[in-house]
Amino acid sequence: LCSPRIKDTQCGFKLFTRSAVVKLFTNLHLRRWAFDTEIVVIAEKLHIGLAEVGIVWNEVEGSKLDVDKLTLALVSLGMLRDMICVRVCYFLGIWTLNK
């Protein structure tokens, strides 16, 4: 739903240039778990380069969502709702981008 080029939007490590931060985050509407998916959509619409780069990652205690199955399912459904919302809102012109 997000991008055919990006496989993992939920990875906790993201790196941006200063100019990209200004363009991306001033256009951001989502403030919940799925904000990363909107960042990818905005970057593609503004032709800001994206790359997935493999890194060595050490897990830190508390860095993951650690909840029961029902809560995880509800969070996942909320993320799906937000991802659909991003696509629909940009497609219908409800949300527009400042360049």
C-alpha atoms as a PDB file:
ATOM      1  CA  LEU A   1       0.000   0.000   0.000  1.00  0.00           C
ATOM      2  CA  CYS A   2       2.867   2.347   0.640  1.00  0.00           C
ATOM      3  CA  SER A   3       5.438   1.887  -2.107  1.00  0.00           C
ATOM      4  CA  PRO A   4       6.555  -0.887  -4.422  1.00  0.00           C
ATOM      5  CA  ARG A   5      10.182   0.150  -3.815  1.00  0.00           C
ATOM      6  CA  ILE A   6      10.270   0.179   0.005  1.00  0.00           C
ATOM      7  CA  LYS A   7       9.754  -3.112   1.824  1.00  0.00           C
ATOM      8  CA  ASP A   8      10.077  -2.118   5.503  1.00  0.00           C
ATOM      9  CA  THR A   9       8.727   1.270   6.532  1.00  0.00           C
ATOM     10  CA  GLN A  10       8.542   0.344  10.212  1.00  0.00           C
ATOM     11  CA  CYS A  11      12.247  -0.083  10.829  1.00  0.00           C
ATOM     12  CA  GLY A  12      13.189   2.233  13.676  1.00  0.00           C
ATOM     13  CA  PHE A  13      16.262   3.680  11.949  1.00  0.00           C
ATOM     14  CA  LYS A  14      15.733   6.490   9.476  1.00  0.00           C
ATOM     15  CA  LEU A  15      18.148   9.090   8.190  1.00  0.00           C
ATOM     16  CA  PHE A  16      17.172  12.337   6.466  1.00  0.00           C
ATOM     17  CA  THR A  17      18.973  15.352   5.072  1.00  0.00           C
ATOM     18  CA  ARG A  18      17.983  18.664   6.603  1.00  0.00           C
ATOM     19  CA  SER A  19      16.214  19.824   3.439  1.00  0.00           C
ATOM     20  CA  ALA A  20      14.303  16.530   3.229  1.00  0.00           C
ATOM     21  CA  VAL A  21      13.191  16.874   6.877  1.00  0.00           C
ATOM     22  CA  VAL A  22      11.705  20.296   6.179  1.00  0.00           C
ATOM     23  CA  LYS A  23       9.862  19.143   3.045  1.00  0.00           C
ATOM     24  CA  LEU A  24       8.657  15.843   4.510  1.00  0.00           C
ATOM     25  CA  PHE A  25       7.634  16.752   8.032  1.00  0.00           C
ATOM     26  CA  THR A  26       5.952  20.055   7.162  1.00  0.00           C
ATOM     27  CA  ASN A  27       3.646  18.071   4.863  1.00  0.00           C
ATOM     28  CA  LEU A  28       2.990  15.221   7.297  1.00  0.00           C
ATOM     29  CA  HIS A  29      -0.592  14.614   8.462  1.00  0.00           C
ATOM     30  CA  LEU A  30      -0.290  11.331  10.395  1.00  0.00           C
ATOM     31  CA  ARG A  31       1.038  11.473  13.942  1.00  0.00           C
ATOM     32  CA  ARG A  32       0.509   7.805  14.814  1.00  0.00           C
ATOM     33  CA  TRP A  33       2.292   4.502  14.139  1.00  0.00           C
ATOM     34  CA  ALA A  34       1.918   4.639  10.355  1.00  0.00           C
ATOM     35  CA  PHE A  35       3.501   8.078   9.888  1.00  0.00           C
ATOM     36  CA  ASP A  36       6.467   6.335   8.206  1.00  0.00           C
ATOM     37  CA  THR A  37       4.228   5.203   5.371  1.00  0.00           C
ATOM     38  CA  GLU A  38       3.090   8.756   4.706  1.00  0.00           C
ATOM     39  CA  ILE A  39       6.724   9.915   4.749  1.00  0.00           C
ATOM     40  CA  VAL A  40       7.470   7.429   1.948  1.00  0.00           C
ATOM     41  CA  VAL A  41       4.446   8.585  -0.076  1.00  0.00           C
ATOM     42  CA  ILE A  42       5.379  12.256   0.372  1.00  0.00           C
ATOM     43  CA  ALA A  43       9.013  11.590  -0.574  1.00  0.00           C
ATOM     44  CA  GLU A  44       7.965   9.837  -3.765  1.00  0.00           C
ATOM     45  CA  LYS A  45       5.501  12.598  -4.695  1.00  0.00           C
ATOM     46  CA  LEU A  46       8.185  15.277  -4.107  1.00  0.00           C
ATOM     47  CA  HIS A  47      10.866  13.194  -5.885  1.00  0.00           C
ATOM     48  CA  ILE A  48      13.017  12.966  -2.777  1.00  0.00           C
ATOM     49  CA  GLY A  49      15.379  10.008  -3.091  1.00  0.00           C
ATOM     50  CA  LEU A  50      14.753   6.966  -0.900  1.00  0.00           C
ATOM     51  CA  ALA A  51      16.965   3.987  -0.224  1.00  0.00           C
ATOM     52  CA  GLU A  52      16.776   0.937   2.008  1.00  0.00           C
ATOM     53  CA  VAL A  53      20.222   0.176   3.338  1.00  0.00           C
ATOM     54  CA  GLY A  54      21.105  -2.874   5.381  1.00  0.00           C
ATOM     55  CA  ILE A  55      22.791  -2.147   8.701  1.00  0.00           C
ATOM     56  CA  VAL A  56      23.919  -4.115  11.721  1.00  0.00           C
ATOM     57  CA  TRP A  57      21.210  -3.587  14.336  1.00  0.00           C
ATOM     58  CA  ASN A  58      21.340  -4.324  18.039  1.00  0.00           C
ATOM     59  CA  GLU A  59      17.961  -4.604  19.732  1.00  0.00           C
ATOM     60  CA  VAL A  60      17.472  -2.383  22.762  1.00  0.00           C
ATOM     61  CA  GLU A  61      15.106  -3.449  25.528  1.00  0.00           C
ATOM     62  CA  GLY A  62      11.807  -1.602  25.189  1.00  0.00           C
ATOM     63  CA  SER A  63      12.305  -0.614  21.544  1.00  0.00           C
ATOM     64  CA  LYS A  64       9.474  -2.799  20.248  1.00  0.00           C
ATOM     65  CA  LEU A  65       5.754  -2.799  20.795  1.00  0.00           C
ATOM     66  CA  ASP A  66       5.319  -5.395  23.542  1.00  0.00           C
ATOM     67  CA  VAL A  67       1.608  -5.989  24.048  1.00  0.00           C
ATOM     68  CA  ASP A  68      -0.939  -8.790  24.107  1.00  0.00           C
ATOM     69  CA  LYS A  69      -2.324 -10.242  20.860  1.00  0.00           C
ATOM     70  CA  LEU A  70      -5.577  -8.280  20.959  1.00  0.00           C
ATOM     71  CA  THR A  71      -3.786  -4.959  21.385  1.00  0.00           C
ATOM     72  CA  LEU A  72      -1.326  -5.883  18.624  1.00  0.00           C
ATOM     73  CA  ALA A  73      -4.251  -6.723  16.316  1.00  0.00           C
ATOM     74  CA  LEU A  74      -5.950  -3.401  17.103  1.00  0.00           C
ATOM     75  CA  VAL A  75      -2.723  -1.438  16.517  1.00  0.00           C
ATOM     76  CA  SER A  76      -2.216  -3.312  13.225  1.00  0.00           C
ATOM     77  CA  LEU A  77      -5.775  -2.507  12.093  1.00  0.00           C
ATOM     78  CA  GLY A  78      -5.194   1.135  12.991  1.00  0.00           C
ATOM     79  CA  MET A  79      -2.039   1.156  10.894  1.00  0.00           C
ATOM     80  CA  LEU A  80      -3.884  -0.398   7.959  1.00  0.00           C
ATOM     81  CA  ARG A  81      -6.627   2.233   8.313  1.00  0.00           C
ATOM     82  CA  ASP A  82      -3.995   4.999   8.305  1.00  0.00           C
ATOM     83  CA  MET A  83      -2.216   3.538   5.258  1.00  0.00           C
ATOM     84  CA  ILE A  84      -5.487   3.423   3.328  1.00  0.00           C
ATOM     85  CA  CYS A  85      -6.294   6.946   4.522  1.00  0.00           C
ATOM     86  CA  VAL A  86      -2.958   8.240   3.162  1.00  0.00           C
ATOM     87  CA  ARG A  87      -3.610   6.766  -0.273  1.00  0.00           C
ATOM     88  CA  VAL A  88      -7.231   7.945  -0.427  1.00  0.00           C
ATOM     89  CA  CYS A  89      -6.578  11.458   0.899  1.00  0.00           C
ATOM     90  CA  TYR A  90      -3.746  12.171  -1.554  1.00  0.00           C
ATOM     91  CA  PHE A  91      -5.567  10.497  -4.457  1.00  0.00           C
ATOM     92  CA  LEU A  92      -8.744  12.549  -3.898  1.00  0.00           C
ATOM     93  CA  GLY A  93      -6.812  15.766  -3.261  1.00  0.00           C
ATOM     94  CA  ILE A  94      -8.048  16.061   0.329  1.00  0.00           C
ATOM     95  CA  TRP A  95      -4.395  16.358   1.347  1.00  0.00           C
ATOM     96  CA  THR A  96      -2.029  18.402  -0.807  1.00  0.00           C
ATOM     97  CA  LEU A  97       1.692  19.009  -0.652  1.00  0.00           C
ATOM     98  CA  ASN A  98       3.605  22.228  -0.146  1.00  0.00           C
ATOM     99  CA  LYS A  99       6.684  22.075  -2.319  1.00  0.00           C
END
